[in-house]
Structures are given as C-alpha cells and as structure tokens.
Amino acid sequence: MSGRPAHRLPGALLAAFALAALAELVSVAVDARTGQLLAKPLLMPLLAAYVAARGGSRLLVAALLLGWGGDVFLLSSADGAFLAGMGCFAAGHLCYLVLFGRRRTRAGLALGYGLALVVALALLWSGLPAELRVPVAVYSLLLAAMACRASALGPLAGAGGALFLLSDTLIATGVAEAPQPPAADLWIMLTYIAAQALLTAGILRSRPGTHD
C-alpha cells in the first residue's frame, strides 16, 4: 500500500505537464499574456520532475531545466534576454548530445540537416541584427547537430529533434522579420512542447534502467 503513491507520481506529473501545456497553448492562441506568464514556466519543471520520478538520467533533467531557463528568459523583453535564453537552450542541446552517446546517424540524414542549416542561414542572415548573426549561426549549428543525432535513438527522439529545429527556425524568422505562417507563435510553442516531450520519451525508452 505504501508504494502506491510513489508509483502513481509519474502519471500525475505527466498529467500536470499536459494541463500546463494545454493552458500555455490556449493562452498563446487567445493572446492572454497572464496565462502565458503562469503556464510557460511550469512546463519544463513538470517534465523534469516526471523524468526524475521515472528514475531517468540527471543529464536529461538538466537539459529540461536549461530549457526552463530559456523559456523564462524569452518571456522577458529586457536587453540581453534573447541571448541569455539562447545560451540556456544551447547548454541543453549539449546535454542532449552527451545523452545520445556515440550511436551512429545515417549519412543521408546528416547531409539533409546540414543543407537545411545552410539554406536557413542564407535566407535569414541579412535580416538578423548584426550583433545576433554569429551567436545565431553558432546556436543553429549546435541545434542542427542535436536534431540530427537525436534520430540515432529512434523515431520518437528523431521527431523531437526535428520539431525543435522547426520551432527555433520559426523564432529566427520572426527575429529576422522574414515571412511567417499564420499564428506563428502558436506553432512555435506547439512544436517546442512536442519536441521536448518526444525527446524525453525517446531518451527514457532507450534507457532500460528507468522505471515507472
């Protein structure tokens, strides 16, 4: 009997994450700033707590909490907040790359991600503020490497990596004042939340030592 609450904890945390994600997406869709300020900072801590309750890797917990740092910084319009947020996400990508280990990635996929990176930077470069061009280029290289290497863990992590790349590309188009799809902010958050959730699921599934 005493083990049941602990056994149920991962499910409760995952449900809380799903509710926070729904609240965030609805808030973005209706442009409710207060809702975004309340919901967005809850997302990654709840997902990180779920990982910890599952007995997942501390490095995965760190990656998610670094994502939380990025989320919080990007809520601010203060000078330097964008670069600080990008720095947090970059550190999170490094954690993911370590987690992926030395598993092999298909050469064709690597070529495709490399080509996508070059094309995106070429199209957005002139529209980016001069002081952001080099940081964005370095970050984009790290992001593309993470997205590519994620596929080595299987389709869940691979899809998560691809969606993370898509989400951040949409952010970059906004920074560069390039054309964006309708409801771009909603698509950015939807793809980001899905990316982190899929990466988490893929990493947990690849490590048999985790438990429910």
C-alpha atoms as a PDB file:
ATOM      1  CA  MET A   1       0.000   0.000   0.000  1.00  0.00           C
ATOM      2  CA  SER A   2       2.773   2.452   0.893  1.00  0.00           C
ATOM      3  CA  GLY A   3       4.321   2.146  -2.574  1.00  0.00           C
ATOM      4  CA  ARG A   4       1.214   3.156  -4.489  1.00  0.00           C
ATOM      5  CA  PRO A   5       1.526   6.972  -4.156  1.00  0.00           C
ATOM      6  CA  ALA A   6       5.112   6.853  -5.439  1.00  0.00           C
ATOM      7  CA  HIS A   7       4.038   4.515  -8.221  1.00  0.00           C
ATOM      8  CA  ARG A   8       1.366   6.993  -9.303  1.00  0.00           C
ATOM      9  CA  LEU A   9       3.595  10.056  -9.093  1.00  0.00           C
ATOM     10  CA  PRO A  10       4.993   9.864 -12.671  1.00  0.00           C
ATOM     11  CA  GLY A  11       1.488   9.691 -14.111  1.00  0.00           C
ATOM     12  CA  ALA A  12       0.320  12.621 -12.012  1.00  0.00           C
ATOM     13  CA  LEU A  13       3.305  14.720 -13.068  1.00  0.00           C
ATOM     14  CA  LEU A  14       2.788  13.847 -16.724  1.00  0.00           C
ATOM     15  CA  ALA A  15      -0.885  14.825 -16.453  1.00  0.00           C
ATOM     16  CA  ALA A  16       0.116  18.120 -14.823  1.00  0.00           C
ATOM     17  CA  PHE A  17       2.561  18.746 -17.676  1.00  0.00           C
ATOM     18  CA  ALA A  18      -0.193  18.076 -20.216  1.00  0.00           C
ATOM     19  CA  LEU A  19      -2.542  20.507 -18.437  1.00  0.00           C
ATOM     20  CA  ALA A  20       0.160  23.186 -18.292  1.00  0.00           C
ATOM     21  CA  ALA A  21       0.869  22.631 -21.993  1.00  0.00           C
ATOM     22  CA  LEU A  22      -2.830  22.999 -22.829  1.00  0.00           C
ATOM     23  CA  ALA A  23      -3.065  26.164 -20.744  1.00  0.00           C
ATOM     24  CA  GLU A  24       0.002  27.599 -22.480  1.00  0.00           C
ATOM     25  CA  LEU A  25      -1.261  26.809 -25.962  1.00  0.00           C
ATOM     26  CA  VAL A  26      -4.709  28.260 -25.266  1.00  0.00           C
ATOM     27  CA  SER A  27      -3.115  31.378 -23.754  1.00  0.00           C
ATOM     28  CA  VAL A  28      -0.938  31.835 -26.839  1.00  0.00           C
ATOM     29  CA  ALA A  29      -3.907  31.263 -29.164  1.00  0.00           C
ATOM     30  CA  VAL A  30      -6.013  33.958 -27.475  1.00  0.00           C
ATOM     31  CA  ASP A  31      -3.019  36.210 -26.715  1.00  0.00           C
ATOM     32  CA  ALA A  32      -3.545  36.015 -22.948  1.00  0.00           C
ATOM     33  CA  ARG A  33      -0.255  37.307 -21.590  1.00  0.00           C
ATOM     34  CA  THR A  34      -1.054  36.493 -17.961  1.00  0.00           C
ATOM     35  CA  GLY A  35      -1.851  32.904 -18.875  1.00  0.00           C
ATOM     36  CA  GLN A  36       1.467  32.584 -20.688  1.00  0.00           C
ATOM     37  CA  LEU A  37       3.379  34.038 -17.735  1.00  0.00           C
ATOM     38  CA  LEU A  38       1.759  31.473 -15.448  1.00  0.00           C
ATOM     39  CA  ALA A  39       1.801  28.376 -17.665  1.00  0.00           C
ATOM     40  CA  LYS A  40       5.053  28.545 -19.608  1.00  0.00           C
ATOM     41  CA  PRO A  41       7.413  28.483 -16.584  1.00  0.00           C
ATOM     42  CA  LEU A  42       5.669  25.317 -15.340  1.00  0.00           C
ATOM     43  CA  LEU A  43       6.248  23.220 -18.449  1.00  0.00           C
ATOM     44  CA  MET A  44       9.849  22.071 -18.214  1.00  0.00           C
ATOM     45  CA  PRO A  45       9.997  21.754 -14.386  1.00  0.00           C
ATOM     46  CA  LEU A  46       6.982  19.414 -14.530  1.00  0.00           C
ATOM     47  CA  LEU A  47       8.539  17.376 -17.333  1.00  0.00           C
ATOM     48  CA  ALA A  48      11.852  17.282 -15.447  1.00  0.00           C
ATOM     49  CA  ALA A  49      10.067  16.128 -12.294  1.00  0.00           C
ATOM     50  CA  TYR A  50       8.399  13.376 -14.332  1.00  0.00           C
ATOM     51  CA  VAL A  51      11.811  12.223 -15.558  1.00  0.00           C
ATOM     52  CA  ALA A  52      13.182  12.225 -12.016  1.00  0.00           C
ATOM     53  CA  ALA A  53      10.162  10.244 -10.774  1.00  0.00           C
ATOM     54  CA  ARG A  54      10.790   7.713 -13.542  1.00  0.00           C
ATOM     55  CA  GLY A  55      14.395   7.315 -12.398  1.00  0.00           C
ATOM     56  CA  GLY A  56      15.645   8.981 -15.568  1.00  0.00           C
ATOM     57  CA  SER A  57      19.063  10.448 -16.246  1.00  0.00           C
ATOM     58  CA  ARG A  58      20.116  13.529 -14.296  1.00  0.00           C
ATOM     59  CA  LEU A  59      21.531  14.863 -17.551  1.00  0.00           C
ATOM     60  CA  LEU A  60      18.056  14.726 -19.094  1.00  0.00           C
ATOM     61  CA  VAL A  61      16.686  16.561 -16.054  1.00  0.00           C
ATOM     62  CA  ALA A  62      19.426  19.171 -16.553  1.00  0.00           C
ATOM     63  CA  ALA A  63      18.568  19.551 -20.253  1.00  0.00           C
ATOM     64  CA  LEU A  64      14.915  20.179 -19.414  1.00  0.00           C
ATOM     65  CA  LEU A  65      15.715  22.650 -16.645  1.00  0.00           C
ATOM     66  CA  LEU A  66      18.024  24.514 -19.001  1.00  0.00           C
ATOM     67  CA  GLY A  67      15.052  24.656 -21.352  1.00  0.00           C
ATOM     68  CA  TRP A  68      13.072  26.152 -18.472  1.00  0.00           C
ATOM     69  CA  GLY A  69      15.760  28.822 -18.130  1.00  0.00           C
ATOM     70  CA  GLY A  70      15.458  29.578 -21.823  1.00  0.00           C
ATOM     71  CA  ASP A  71      11.670  29.749 -21.579  1.00  0.00           C
ATOM     72  CA  VAL A  72      11.824  32.231 -18.700  1.00  0.00           C
ATOM     73  CA  PHE A  73      14.382  34.459 -20.390  1.00  0.00           C
ATOM     74  CA  LEU A  74      12.352  34.532 -23.609  1.00  0.00           C
ATOM     75  CA  LEU A  75       9.332  35.771 -21.672  1.00  0.00           C
ATOM     76  CA  SER A  76      11.283  38.960 -20.982  1.00  0.00           C
ATOM     77  CA  SER A  77      11.896  41.883 -23.316  1.00  0.00           C
ATOM     78  CA  ALA A  78      14.939  43.049 -21.340  1.00  0.00           C
ATOM     79  CA  ASP A  79      18.212  43.694 -23.146  1.00  0.00           C
ATOM     80  CA  GLY A  80      20.200  40.515 -23.429  1.00  0.00           C
ATOM     81  CA  ALA A  81      17.270  38.236 -22.541  1.00  0.00           C
ATOM     82  CA  PHE A  82      17.199  36.685 -26.015  1.00  0.00           C
ATOM     83  CA  LEU A  83      20.917  35.867 -25.918  1.00  0.00           C
ATOM     84  CA  ALA A  84      20.631  34.509 -22.367  1.00  0.00           C
ATOM     85  CA  GLY A  85      17.720  32.319 -23.396  1.00  0.00           C
ATOM     86  CA  MET A  86      19.595  31.079 -26.442  1.00  0.00           C
ATOM     87  CA  GLY A  87      22.558  30.287 -24.211  1.00  0.00           C
ATOM     88  CA  CYS A  88      20.365  28.177 -21.918  1.00  0.00           C
ATOM     89  CA  PHE A  89      18.956  26.220 -24.841  1.00  0.00           C
ATOM     90  CA  ALA A  90      22.444  25.744 -26.287  1.00  0.00           C
ATOM     91  CA  ALA A  91      23.601  24.221 -22.998  1.00  0.00           C
ATOM     92  CA  GLY A  92      20.539  21.981 -23.075  1.00  0.00           C
ATOM     93  CA  HIS A  93      21.439  20.787 -26.572  1.00  0.00           C
ATOM     94  CA  LEU A  94      24.908  19.894 -25.324  1.00  0.00           C
ATOM     95  CA  CYS A  95      23.282  17.769 -22.616  1.00  0.00           C
ATOM     96  CA  TYR A  96      21.190  16.026 -25.255  1.00  0.00           C
ATOM     97  CA  LEU A  97      24.240  15.371 -27.415  1.00  0.00           C
ATOM     98  CA  VAL A  98      26.007  13.715 -24.483  1.00  0.00           C
ATOM     99  CA  LEU A  99      22.894  11.637 -23.800  1.00  0.00           C
ATOM    100  CA  PHE A 100      22.783  10.444 -27.411  1.00  0.00           C
ATOM    101  CA  GLY A 101      26.254   8.963 -26.995  1.00  0.00           C
ATOM    102  CA  ARG A 102      28.132   7.520 -29.952  1.00  0.00           C
ATOM    103  CA  ARG A 103      25.231   5.876 -31.727  1.00  0.00           C
ATOM    104  CA  ARG A 104      25.562   6.107 -35.487  1.00  0.00           C
ATOM    105  CA  THR A 105      23.483   8.508 -37.585  1.00  0.00           C
ATOM    106  CA  ARG A 106      22.686   7.925 -41.250  1.00  0.00           C
ATOM    107  CA  ALA A 107      24.893   9.945 -43.571  1.00  0.00           C
ATOM    108  CA  GLY A 108      21.964  10.994 -45.747  1.00  0.00           C
ATOM    109  CA  LEU A 109      20.114  12.419 -42.772  1.00  0.00           C
ATOM    110  CA  ALA A 110      23.178  14.342 -41.655  1.00  0.00           C
ATOM    111  CA  LEU A 111      23.528  15.757 -45.161  1.00  0.00           C
ATOM    112  CA  GLY A 112      19.874  16.813 -45.150  1.00  0.00           C
ATOM    113  CA  TYR A 113      20.174  18.621 -41.825  1.00  0.00           C
ATOM    114  CA  GLY A 114      23.371  20.296 -42.970  1.00  0.00           C
ATOM    115  CA  LEU A 115      21.715  21.511 -46.156  1.00  0.00           C
ATOM    116  CA  ALA A 116      18.686  22.785 -44.220  1.00  0.00           C
ATOM    117  CA  LEU A 117      21.017  24.697 -41.884  1.00  0.00           C
ATOM    118  CA  VAL A 118      22.907  26.361 -44.730  1.00  0.00           C
ATOM    119  CA  VAL A 119      19.715  27.321 -46.595  1.00  0.00           C
ATOM    120  CA  ALA A 120      18.029  28.730 -43.474  1.00  0.00           C
ATOM    121  CA  LEU A 121      21.040  30.842 -42.505  1.00  0.00           C
ATOM    122  CA  ALA A 122      21.459  32.090 -46.070  1.00  0.00           C
ATOM    123  CA  LEU A 123      17.829  33.193 -46.223  1.00  0.00           C
ATOM    124  CA  LEU A 124      17.726  34.825 -42.792  1.00  0.00           C
ATOM    125  CA  TRP A 125      21.240  36.252 -42.499  1.00  0.00           C
ATOM    126  CA  SER A 126      20.611  39.714 -43.924  1.00  0.00           C
ATOM    127  CA  GLY A 127      17.517  40.197 -41.767  1.00  0.00           C
ATOM    128  CA  LEU A 128      19.182  39.284 -38.483  1.00  0.00           C
ATOM    129  CA  PRO A 129      20.519  42.131 -36.309  1.00  0.00           C
ATOM    130  CA  ALA A 130      24.298  42.347 -36.781  1.00  0.00           C
ATOM    131  CA  GLU A 131      25.025  41.540 -33.144  1.00  0.00           C
ATOM    132  CA  LEU A 132      22.960  38.326 -33.347  1.00  0.00           C
ATOM    133  CA  ARG A 133      24.334  36.867 -36.574  1.00  0.00           C
ATOM    134  CA  VAL A 134      27.318  34.980 -35.158  1.00  0.00           C
ATOM    135  CA  PRO A 135      25.511  33.772 -31.990  1.00  0.00           C
ATOM    136  CA  VAL A 136      22.553  32.586 -34.070  1.00  0.00           C
ATOM    137  CA  ALA A 137      24.864  30.798 -36.518  1.00  0.00           C
ATOM    138  CA  VAL A 138      26.720  29.012 -33.707  1.00  0.00           C
ATOM    139  CA  TYR A 139      23.484  28.107 -31.953  1.00  0.00           C
ATOM    140  CA  SER A 140      21.940  26.881 -35.201  1.00  0.00           C
ATOM    141  CA  LEU A 141      24.885  24.579 -35.842  1.00  0.00           C
ATOM    142  CA  LEU A 142      24.525  23.084 -32.361  1.00  0.00           C
ATOM    143  CA  LEU A 143      20.758  22.752 -32.761  1.00  0.00           C
ATOM    144  CA  ALA A 144      21.080  21.023 -36.138  1.00  0.00           C
ATOM    145  CA  ALA A 145      23.664  18.623 -34.686  1.00  0.00           C
ATOM    146  CA  MET A 146      21.317  17.786 -31.805  1.00  0.00           C
ATOM    147  CA  ALA A 147      18.350  17.288 -34.132  1.00  0.00           C
ATOM    148  CA  CYS A 148      20.360  15.029 -36.416  1.00  0.00           C
ATOM    149  CA  ARG A 149      21.901  12.960 -33.632  1.00  0.00           C
ATOM    150  CA  ALA A 150      18.509  12.520 -31.926  1.00  0.00           C
ATOM    151  CA  SER A 151      17.436  10.192 -34.731  1.00  0.00           C
ATOM    152  CA  ALA A 152      20.021   7.663 -33.538  1.00  0.00           C
ATOM    153  CA  LEU A 153      17.752   6.901 -30.556  1.00  0.00           C
ATOM    154  CA  GLY A 154      14.771   6.035 -32.728  1.00  0.00           C
ATOM    155  CA  PRO A 155      11.711   7.709 -34.241  1.00  0.00           C
ATOM    156  CA  LEU A 156      10.434   9.392 -31.067  1.00  0.00           C
ATOM    157  CA  ALA A 157      13.655  11.248 -30.307  1.00  0.00           C
ATOM    158  CA  GLY A 158      14.240  11.839 -34.020  1.00  0.00           C
ATOM    159  CA  ALA A 159      10.853  13.521 -34.370  1.00  0.00           C
ATOM    160  CA  GLY A 160      11.579  15.560 -31.248  1.00  0.00           C
ATOM    161  CA  GLY A 161      14.847  16.816 -32.672  1.00  0.00           C
ATOM    162  CA  ALA A 162      13.211  17.748 -35.975  1.00  0.00           C
ATOM    163  CA  LEU A 163      10.410  19.634 -34.231  1.00  0.00           C
ATOM    164  CA  PHE A 164      12.896  21.511 -32.046  1.00  0.00           C
ATOM    165  CA  LEU A 165      14.687  22.644 -35.203  1.00  0.00           C
ATOM    166  CA  LEU A 166      11.376  23.715 -36.758  1.00  0.00           C
ATOM    167  CA  SER A 167      10.312  25.632 -33.642  1.00  0.00           C
ATOM    168  CA  ASP A 168      13.562  27.567 -33.404  1.00  0.00           C
ATOM    169  CA  THR A 169      13.580  28.250 -37.135  1.00  0.00           C
ATOM    170  CA  LEU A 170      10.174  29.889 -36.756  1.00  0.00           C
ATOM    171  CA  ILE A 171      11.579  32.014 -33.920  1.00  0.00           C
ATOM    172  CA  ALA A 172      14.511  33.013 -36.129  1.00  0.00           C
ATOM    173  CA  THR A 173      12.189  34.090 -38.949  1.00  0.00           C
ATOM    174  CA  GLY A 174      10.474  36.434 -36.505  1.00  0.00           C
ATOM    175  CA  VAL A 175      13.785  37.894 -35.316  1.00  0.00           C
ATOM    176  CA  ALA A 176      14.875  38.386 -38.937  1.00  0.00           C
ATOM    177  CA  GLU A 177      11.452  39.854 -39.824  1.00  0.00           C
ATOM    178  CA  ALA A 178      11.017  37.216 -42.516  1.00  0.00           C
ATOM    179  CA  PRO A 179       7.599  35.890 -43.615  1.00  0.00           C
ATOM    180  CA  GLN A 180       5.948  33.615 -41.049  1.00  0.00           C
ATOM    181  CA  PRO A 181       2.910  31.328 -41.188  1.00  0.00           C
ATOM    182  CA  PRO A 182      -0.378  32.452 -39.636  1.00  0.00           C
ATOM    183  CA  ALA A 183      -0.477  32.009 -35.845  1.00  0.00           C
ATOM    184  CA  ALA A 184       3.310  31.631 -35.801  1.00  0.00           C
ATOM    185  CA  ASP A 185       3.552  31.980 -32.001  1.00  0.00           C
ATOM    186  CA  LEU A 186       1.137  29.093 -31.553  1.00  0.00           C
ATOM    187  CA  TRP A 187       3.108  26.897 -33.956  1.00  0.00           C
ATOM    188  CA  ILE A 188       6.346  27.807 -32.177  1.00  0.00           C
ATOM    189  CA  MET A 189       5.009  26.682 -28.800  1.00  0.00           C
ATOM    190  CA  LEU A 190       3.211  23.621 -30.151  1.00  0.00           C
ATOM    191  CA  THR A 191       6.320  22.318 -31.897  1.00  0.00           C
ATOM    192  CA  TYR A 192       8.551  23.201 -28.931  1.00  0.00           C
ATOM    193  CA  ILE A 193       6.387  21.421 -26.359  1.00  0.00           C
ATOM    194  CA  ALA A 194       6.060  18.381 -28.618  1.00  0.00           C
ATOM    195  CA  ALA A 195       9.826  18.409 -29.245  1.00  0.00           C
ATOM    196  CA  GLN A 196      10.753  18.334 -25.564  1.00  0.00           C
ATOM    197  CA  ALA A 197       8.141  15.681 -24.802  1.00  0.00           C
ATOM    198  CA  LEU A 198       9.260  13.438 -27.683  1.00  0.00           C
ATOM    199  CA  LEU A 199      12.939  13.829 -26.853  1.00  0.00           C
ATOM    200  CA  THR A 200      12.152  12.907 -23.262  1.00  0.00           C
ATOM    201  CA  ALA A 201      10.109   9.872 -24.290  1.00  0.00           C
ATOM    202  CA  GLY A 202      12.772   8.716 -26.734  1.00  0.00           C
ATOM    203  CA  ILE A 203      15.588   9.020 -24.208  1.00  0.00           C
ATOM    204  CA  LEU A 204      13.632   7.277 -21.449  1.00  0.00           C
ATOM    205  CA  ARG A 205      12.707   4.445 -23.813  1.00  0.00           C
ATOM    206  CA  SER A 206      16.342   3.992 -24.836  1.00  0.00           C
ATOM    207  CA  ARG A 207      17.450   3.528 -21.232  1.00  0.00           C
ATOM    208  CA  PRO A 208      16.018   0.317 -19.779  1.00  0.00           C
ATOM    209  CA  GLY A 209      17.136   1.222 -16.267  1.00  0.00           C
ATOM    210  CA  THR A 210      14.297   3.723 -15.874  1.00  0.00           C
ATOM    211  CA  HIS A 211      11.142   2.634 -14.103  1.00  0.00           C
ATOM    212  CA  ASP A 212       7.501   3.691 -13.791  1.00  0.00           C
END
